[in-house]
Amino acid sequence: MTLWDIPAKKSGLISGLDNTLLPAVTNRLLEMGLTDGQSVRCLRRSPMNGPVVVQIGDCVYTLEQSIADKVAVSSFS
């Protein structure tokens, strides 16, 4: 399961980043807090495959599908 798959208003735990991501993208995601074991909540899913809005700690981010599909998530509720 990936970050893109989390339904709106649900949370999950980051379980890893895809190793095919460019190093600059991986570094940016890590700076944003997308680290193993970090809780992430999907606040909103945009229509027509638009970006997903997620909350990590006190920060809110939007991620396009091409990036959100590369963030593995486990045990969402």
PDB file of N, CA and C in Angstrom:
ATOM      1  N   MET A   1       0.843  -1.165   0.000  1.00  0.00           N
ATOM      2  CA  MET A   1       0.000   0.000   0.000  1.00  0.00           C
ATOM      3  C   MET A   1       0.895   1.237   0.000  1.00  0.00           C
ATOM      4  N   THR A   2       0.432   2.286  -0.665  1.00  0.00           N
ATOM      5  CA  THR A   2       1.212   3.524  -0.740  1.00  0.00           C
ATOM      6  C   THR A   2       0.426   4.690  -0.157  1.00  0.00           C
ATOM      7  N   LEU A   3       1.109   5.806  -0.030  1.00  0.00           N
ATOM      8  CA  LEU A   3       0.475   7.011   0.473  1.00  0.00           C
ATOM      9  C   LEU A   3      -0.697   7.423  -0.420  1.00  0.00           C
ATOM     10  N   TRP A   4      -0.595   7.151  -1.697  1.00  0.00           N
ATOM     11  CA  TRP A   4      -1.669   7.480  -2.633  1.00  0.00           C
ATOM     12  C   TRP A   4      -2.936   6.687  -2.332  1.00  0.00           C
ATOM     13  N   ASP A   5      -2.812   5.512  -1.721  1.00  0.00           N
ATOM     14  CA  ASP A   5      -3.950   4.629  -1.471  1.00  0.00           C
ATOM     15  C   ASP A   5      -4.727   4.953  -0.199  1.00  0.00           C
ATOM     16  N   ILE A   6      -4.179   5.790   0.673  1.00  0.00           N
ATOM     17  CA  ILE A   6      -4.871   6.078   1.934  1.00  0.00           C
ATOM     18  C   ILE A   6      -6.137   6.894   1.652  1.00  0.00           C
ATOM     19  N   PRO A   7      -7.277   6.436   2.155  1.00  0.00           N
ATOM     20  CA  PRO A   7      -8.512   7.207   1.983  1.00  0.00           C
ATOM     21  C   PRO A   7      -8.464   8.516   2.779  1.00  0.00           C
ATOM     22  N   ALA A   8      -9.254   9.480   2.364  1.00  0.00           N
ATOM     23  CA  ALA A   8      -9.353  10.746   3.092  1.00  0.00           C
ATOM     24  C   ALA A   8      -9.773  10.488   4.531  1.00  0.00           C
ATOM     25  N   LYS A   9      -9.206  11.273   5.436  1.00  0.00           N
ATOM     26  CA  LYS A   9      -9.494  11.217   6.877  1.00  0.00           C
ATOM     27  C   LYS A   9      -8.943   9.968   7.550  1.00  0.00           C
ATOM     28  N   LYS A  10      -8.045   9.243   6.898  1.00  0.00           N
ATOM     29  CA  LYS A  10      -7.411   8.059   7.482  1.00  0.00           C
ATOM     30  C   LYS A  10      -5.925   8.324   7.692  1.00  0.00           C
ATOM     31  N   SER A  11      -5.334   7.571   8.610  1.00  0.00           N
ATOM     32  CA  SER A  11      -3.913   7.714   8.926  1.00  0.00           C
ATOM     33  C   SER A  11      -3.186   6.408   8.691  1.00  0.00           C
ATOM     34  N   GLY A  12      -1.879   6.514   8.538  1.00  0.00           N
ATOM     35  CA  GLY A  12      -1.047   5.332   8.378  1.00  0.00           C
ATOM     36  C   GLY A  12       0.360   5.625   8.850  1.00  0.00           C
ATOM     37  N   LEU A  13       1.205   4.609   8.779  1.00  0.00           N
ATOM     38  CA  LEU A  13       2.601   4.753   9.157  1.00  0.00           C
ATOM     39  C   LEU A  13       3.471   4.585   7.925  1.00  0.00           C
ATOM     40  N   ILE A  14       4.423   5.485   7.743  1.00  0.00           N
ATOM     41  CA  ILE A  14       5.358   5.385   6.629  1.00  0.00           C
ATOM     42  C   ILE A  14       6.223   4.150   6.860  1.00  0.00           C
ATOM     43  N   SER A  15       6.353   3.317   5.828  1.00  0.00           N
ATOM     44  CA  SER A  15       7.186   2.119   5.961  1.00  0.00           C
ATOM     45  C   SER A  15       8.351   2.104   4.979  1.00  0.00           C
ATOM     46  N   GLY A  16       8.529   3.191   4.231  1.00  0.00           N
ATOM     47  CA  GLY A  16       9.691   3.279   3.358  1.00  0.00           C
ATOM     48  C   GLY A  16       9.431   4.078   2.108  1.00  0.00           C
ATOM     49  N   LEU A  17      10.532   4.476   1.477  1.00  0.00           N
ATOM     50  CA  LEU A  17      10.479   5.206   0.211  1.00  0.00           C
ATOM     51  C   LEU A  17      11.037   4.308  -0.884  1.00  0.00           C
ATOM     52  N   ASP A  18      10.461   4.404  -2.059  1.00  0.00           N
ATOM     53  CA  ASP A  18      10.899   3.615  -3.204  1.00  0.00           C
ATOM     54  C   ASP A  18      12.327   4.006  -3.577  1.00  0.00           C
ATOM     55  N   ASN A  19      13.180   3.006  -3.782  1.00  0.00           N
ATOM     56  CA  ASN A  19      14.583   3.293  -4.087  1.00  0.00           C
ATOM     57  C   ASN A  19      14.807   3.761  -5.523  1.00  0.00           C
ATOM     58  N   THR A  20      13.744   3.859  -6.329  1.00  0.00           N
ATOM     59  CA  THR A  20      13.891   4.374  -7.692  1.00  0.00           C
ATOM     60  C   THR A  20      13.741   5.898  -7.745  1.00  0.00           C
ATOM     61  N   LEU A  21      13.384   6.515  -6.614  1.00  0.00           N
ATOM     62  CA  LEU A  21      13.281   7.972  -6.568  1.00  0.00           C
ATOM     63  C   LEU A  21      14.659   8.593  -6.750  1.00  0.00           C
ATOM     64  N   LEU A  22      14.691   9.735  -7.394  1.00  0.00           N
ATOM     65  CA  LEU A  22      15.946  10.472  -7.513  1.00  0.00           C
ATOM     66  C   LEU A  22      16.434  10.860  -6.113  1.00  0.00           C
ATOM     67  N   PRO A  23      17.740  10.864  -5.891  1.00  0.00           N
ATOM     68  CA  PRO A  23      18.262  11.214  -4.559  1.00  0.00           C
ATOM     69  C   PRO A  23      17.765  12.566  -4.051  1.00  0.00           C
ATOM     70  N   ALA A  24      17.643  13.555  -4.921  1.00  0.00           N
ATOM     71  CA  ALA A  24      17.155  14.872  -4.495  1.00  0.00           C
ATOM     72  C   ALA A  24      15.713  14.791  -3.997  1.00  0.00           C
ATOM     73  N   VAL A  25      14.893  13.981  -4.656  1.00  0.00           N
ATOM     74  CA  VAL A  25      13.494  13.820  -4.240  1.00  0.00           C
ATOM     75  C   VAL A  25      13.439  13.073  -2.903  1.00  0.00           C
ATOM     76  N   THR A  26      14.223  12.011  -2.782  1.00  0.00           N
ATOM     77  CA  THR A  26      14.279  11.258  -1.524  1.00  0.00           C
ATOM     78  C   THR A  26      14.698  12.171  -0.384  1.00  0.00           C
ATOM     79  N   ASN A  27      15.728  12.972  -0.597  1.00  0.00           N
ATOM     80  CA  ASN A  27      16.191  13.883   0.453  1.00  0.00           C
ATOM     81  C   ASN A  27      15.108  14.877   0.846  1.00  0.00           C
ATOM     82  N   ARG A  28      14.392  15.404  -0.126  1.00  0.00           N
ATOM     83  CA  ARG A  28      13.326  16.364   0.173  1.00  0.00           C
ATOM     84  C   ARG A  28      12.200  15.710   0.971  1.00  0.00           C
ATOM     85  N   LEU A  29      11.816  14.495   0.585  1.00  0.00           N
ATOM     86  CA  LEU A  29      10.766  13.790   1.325  1.00  0.00           C
ATOM     87  C   LEU A  29      11.202  13.520   2.759  1.00  0.00           C
ATOM     88  N   LEU A  30      12.455  13.153   2.947  1.00  0.00           N
ATOM     89  CA  LEU A  30      12.968  12.932   4.307  1.00  0.00           C
ATOM     90  C   LEU A  30      12.963  14.232   5.103  1.00  0.00           C
ATOM     91  N   GLU A  31      13.326  15.351   4.466  1.00  0.00           N
ATOM     92  CA  GLU A  31      13.271  16.654   5.127  1.00  0.00           C
ATOM     93  C   GLU A  31      11.849  17.019   5.533  1.00  0.00           C
ATOM     94  N   MET A  32      10.884  16.588   4.743  1.00  0.00           N
ATOM     95  CA  MET A  32       9.478  16.861   5.037  1.00  0.00           C
ATOM     96  C   MET A  32       8.957  15.991   6.180  1.00  0.00           C
ATOM     97  N   GLY A  33       9.710  14.965   6.559  1.00  0.00           N
ATOM     98  CA  GLY A  33       9.302  14.107   7.668  1.00  0.00           C
ATOM     99  C   GLY A  33       8.761  12.754   7.256  1.00  0.00           C
ATOM    100  N   LEU A  34       8.857  12.397   5.976  1.00  0.00           N
ATOM    101  CA  LEU A  34       8.376  11.102   5.517  1.00  0.00           C
ATOM    102  C   LEU A  34       9.440  10.037   5.791  1.00  0.00           C
ATOM    103  N   THR A  35       9.592   9.706   7.063  1.00  0.00           N
ATOM    104  CA  THR A  35      10.580   8.735   7.499  1.00  0.00           C
ATOM    105  C   THR A  35       9.883   7.488   8.021  1.00  0.00           C
ATOM    106  N   ASP A  36      10.595   6.379   8.043  1.00  0.00           N
ATOM    107  CA  ASP A  36      10.027   5.117   8.521  1.00  0.00           C
ATOM    108  C   ASP A  36       9.434   5.282   9.919  1.00  0.00           C
ATOM    109  N   GLY A  37       8.204   4.800  10.081  1.00  0.00           N
ATOM    110  CA  GLY A  37       7.523   4.843  11.360  1.00  0.00           C
ATOM    111  C   GLY A  37       6.758   6.123  11.637  1.00  0.00           C
ATOM    112  N   GLN A  38       6.916   7.124  10.787  1.00  0.00           N
ATOM    113  CA  GLN A  38       6.225   8.405  10.987  1.00  0.00           C
ATOM    114  C   GLN A  38       4.741   8.271  10.632  1.00  0.00           C
ATOM    115  N   SER A  39       3.903   8.831  11.469  1.00  0.00           N
ATOM    116  CA  SER A  39       2.466   8.835  11.210  1.00  0.00           C
ATOM    117  C   SER A  39       2.138   9.892  10.166  1.00  0.00           C
ATOM    118  N   VAL A  40       1.244   9.543   9.247  1.00  0.00           N
ATOM    119  CA  VAL A  40       0.805  10.473   8.199  1.00  0.00           C
ATOM    120  C   VAL A  40      -0.710  10.355   8.068  1.00  0.00           C
ATOM    121  N   ARG A  41      -1.371  11.477   7.896  1.00  0.00           N
ATOM    122  CA  ARG A  41      -2.838  11.502   7.764  1.00  0.00           C
ATOM    123  C   ARG A  41      -3.215  12.136   6.436  1.00  0.00           C
ATOM    124  N   CYS A  42      -4.117  11.474   5.733  1.00  0.00           N
ATOM    125  CA  CYS A  42      -4.637  12.024   4.485  1.00  0.00           C
ATOM    126  C   CYS A  42      -5.786  12.964   4.842  1.00  0.00           C
ATOM    127  N   LEU A  43      -5.594  14.239   4.562  1.00  0.00           N
ATOM    128  CA  LEU A  43      -6.635  15.222   4.870  1.00  0.00           C
ATOM    129  C   LEU A  43      -7.659  15.334   3.752  1.00  0.00           C
ATOM    130  N   ARG A  44      -7.167  15.240   2.504  1.00  0.00           N
ATOM    131  CA  ARG A  44      -8.075  15.430   1.371  1.00  0.00           C
ATOM    132  C   ARG A  44      -7.502  14.796   0.124  1.00  0.00           C
ATOM    133  N   ARG A  45      -8.387  14.274  -0.683  1.00  0.00           N
ATOM    134  CA  ARG A  45      -8.020  13.732  -1.990  1.00  0.00           C
ATOM    135  C   ARG A  45      -8.656  14.639  -3.037  1.00  0.00           C
ATOM    136  N   SER A  46      -7.851  15.202  -3.882  1.00  0.00           N
ATOM    137  CA  SER A  46      -8.363  16.106  -4.905  1.00  0.00           C
ATOM    138  C   SER A  46      -9.065  15.327  -6.011  1.00  0.00           C
ATOM    139  N   PRO A  47     -10.063  15.927  -6.647  1.00  0.00           N
ATOM    140  CA  PRO A  47     -10.765  15.244  -7.733  1.00  0.00           C
ATOM    141  C   PRO A  47      -9.866  15.050  -8.961  1.00  0.00           C
ATOM    142  N   MET A  48     -10.243  14.099  -9.773  1.00  0.00           N
ATOM    143  CA  MET A  48      -9.598  13.815 -11.059  1.00  0.00           C
ATOM    144  C   MET A  48      -8.087  13.568 -10.914  1.00  0.00           C
ATOM    145  N   ASN A  49      -7.724  12.744  -9.936  1.00  0.00           N
ATOM    146  CA  ASN A  49      -6.329  12.371  -9.687  1.00  0.00           C
ATOM    147  C   ASN A  49      -5.421  13.558  -9.424  1.00  0.00           C
ATOM    148  N   GLY A  50      -5.999  14.603  -8.845  1.00  0.00           N
ATOM    149  CA  GLY A  50      -5.184  15.741  -8.421  1.00  0.00           C
ATOM    150  C   GLY A  50      -4.374  15.359  -7.201  1.00  0.00           C
ATOM    151  N   PRO A  51      -3.611  16.286  -6.662  1.00  0.00           N
ATOM    152  CA  PRO A  51      -2.735  15.952  -5.534  1.00  0.00           C
ATOM    153  C   PRO A  51      -3.512  15.532  -4.293  1.00  0.00           C
ATOM    154  N   VAL A  52      -2.827  14.763  -3.459  1.00  0.00           N
ATOM    155  CA  VAL A  52      -3.367  14.347  -2.180  1.00  0.00           C
ATOM    156  C   VAL A  52      -2.790  15.302  -1.131  1.00  0.00           C
ATOM    157  N   VAL A  53      -3.616  15.695  -0.161  1.00  0.00           N
ATOM    158  CA  VAL A  53      -3.193  16.598   0.901  1.00  0.00           C
ATOM    159  C   VAL A  53      -2.980  15.764   2.159  1.00  0.00           C
ATOM    160  N   VAL A  54      -1.758  15.805   2.692  1.00  0.00           N
ATOM    161  CA  VAL A  54      -1.416  14.985   3.849  1.00  0.00           C
ATOM    162  C   VAL A  54      -0.878  15.845   4.977  1.00  0.00           C
ATOM    163  N   GLN A  55      -1.024  15.334   6.193  1.00  0.00           N
ATOM    164  CA  GLN A  55      -0.494  16.006   7.371  1.00  0.00           C
ATOM    165  C   GLN A  55       0.534  15.104   8.026  1.00  0.00           C
ATOM    166  N   ILE A  56       1.694  15.690   8.301  1.00  0.00           N
ATOM    167  CA  ILE A  56       2.764  15.001   9.018  1.00  0.00           C
ATOM    168  C   ILE A  56       3.150  15.913  10.173  1.00  0.00           C
ATOM    169  N   GLY A  57       2.841  15.479  11.381  1.00  0.00           N
ATOM    170  CA  GLY A  57       3.053  16.357  12.531  1.00  0.00           C
ATOM    171  C   GLY A  57       2.165  17.580  12.397  1.00  0.00           C
ATOM    172  N   ASP A  58       2.776  18.757  12.506  1.00  0.00           N
ATOM    173  CA  ASP A  58       2.026  20.011  12.390  1.00  0.00           C
ATOM    174  C   ASP A  58       2.047  20.584  10.981  1.00  0.00           C
ATOM    175  N   CYS A  59       2.656  19.880  10.036  1.00  0.00           N
ATOM    176  CA  CYS A  59       2.820  20.389   8.673  1.00  0.00           C
ATOM    177  C   CYS A  59       1.843  19.717   7.712  1.00  0.00           C
ATOM    178  N   VAL A  60       1.404  20.490   6.721  1.00  0.00           N
ATOM    179  CA  VAL A  60       0.498  19.985   5.692  1.00  0.00           C
ATOM    180  C   VAL A  60       1.186  20.121   4.341  1.00  0.00           C
ATOM    181  N   TYR A  61       1.134  19.048   3.547  1.00  0.00           N
ATOM    182  CA  TYR A  61       1.787  19.014   2.235  1.00  0.00           C
ATOM    183  C   TYR A  61       0.817  18.482   1.190  1.00  0.00           C
ATOM    184  N   THR A  62       1.049  18.849  -0.061  1.00  0.00           N
ATOM    185  CA  THR A  62       0.346  18.231  -1.179  1.00  0.00           C
ATOM    186  C   THR A  62       1.363  17.443  -1.984  1.00  0.00           C
ATOM    187  N   LEU A  63       0.971  16.248  -2.405  1.00  0.00           N
ATOM    188  CA  LEU A  63       1.849  15.385  -3.184  1.00  0.00           C
ATOM    189  C   LEU A  63       1.118  14.880  -4.418  1.00  0.00           C
ATOM    190  N   GLU A  64       1.778  14.980  -5.543  1.00  0.00           N
ATOM    191  CA  GLU A  64       1.240  14.423  -6.779  1.00  0.00           C
ATOM    192  C   GLU A  64       1.269  12.899  -6.708  1.00  0.00           C
ATOM    193  N   GLN A  65       0.464  12.248  -7.512  1.00  0.00           N
ATOM    194  CA  GLN A  65       0.389  10.787  -7.515  1.00  0.00           C
ATOM    195  C   GLN A  65       1.740  10.153  -7.805  1.00  0.00           C
ATOM    196  N   SER A  66       2.516  10.739  -8.719  1.00  0.00           N
ATOM    197  CA  SER A  66       3.802  10.148  -9.092  1.00  0.00           C
ATOM    198  C   SER A  66       4.764  10.052  -7.907  1.00  0.00           C
ATOM    199  N   ILE A  67       4.623  10.925  -6.928  1.00  0.00           N
ATOM    200  CA  ILE A  67       5.460  10.872  -5.724  1.00  0.00           C
ATOM    201  C   ILE A  67       4.776  10.053  -4.642  1.00  0.00           C
ATOM    202  N   ALA A  68       3.490  10.297  -4.398  1.00  0.00           N
ATOM    203  CA  ALA A  68       2.766   9.581  -3.341  1.00  0.00           C
ATOM    204  C   ALA A  68       2.772   8.074  -3.570  1.00  0.00           C
ATOM    205  N   ASP A  69       2.811   7.643  -4.831  1.00  0.00           N
ATOM    206  CA  ASP A  69       2.878   6.213  -5.149  1.00  0.00           C
ATOM    207  C   ASP A  69       4.211   5.585  -4.774  1.00  0.00           C
ATOM    208  N   LYS A  70       5.211   6.400  -4.472  1.00  0.00           N
ATOM    209  CA  LYS A  70       6.548   5.895  -4.136  1.00  0.00           C
ATOM    210  C   LYS A  70       6.797   5.859  -2.626  1.00  0.00           C
ATOM    211  N   VAL A  71       5.772   6.197  -1.842  1.00  0.00           N
ATOM    212  CA  VAL A  71       5.888   6.210  -0.388  1.00  0.00           C
ATOM    213  C   VAL A  71       5.052   5.047   0.155  1.00  0.00           C
ATOM    214  N   ALA A  72       5.730   4.029   0.666  1.00  0.00           N
ATOM    215  CA  ALA A  72       5.034   2.856   1.212  1.00  0.00           C
ATOM    216  C   ALA A  72       4.440   3.190   2.579  1.00  0.00           C
ATOM    217  N   VAL A  73       3.211   2.721   2.795  1.00  0.00           N
ATOM    218  CA  VAL A  73       2.491   2.975   4.040  1.00  0.00           C
ATOM    219  C   VAL A  73       1.919   1.661   4.556  1.00  0.00           C
ATOM    220  N   SER A  74       1.954   1.494   5.870  1.00  0.00           N
ATOM    221  CA  SER A  74       1.374   0.291   6.463  1.00  0.00           C
ATOM    222  C   SER A  74       0.376   0.671   7.544  1.00  0.00           C
ATOM    223  N   SER A  75      -0.412  -0.269   7.910  1.00  0.00           N
ATOM    224  CA  SER A  75      -1.376  -0.185   9.022  1.00  0.00           C
ATOM    225  C   SER A  75      -2.122   1.132   9.117  1.00  0.00           C
ATOM    226  N   PHE A  76      -2.895   1.448   8.062  1.00  0.00           N
ATOM    227  CA  PHE A  76      -3.681   2.676   8.165  1.00  0.00           C
ATOM    228  C   PHE A  76      -5.022   2.414   8.826  1.00  0.00           C
ATOM    229  N   SER A  77      -5.523   3.458   9.473  1.00  0.00           N
ATOM    230  CA  SER A  77      -6.821   3.347  10.167  1.00  0.00           C
ATOM    231  C   SER A  77      -7.581   4.653  10.099  1.00  0.00           C
TER     232      SER A  77
END
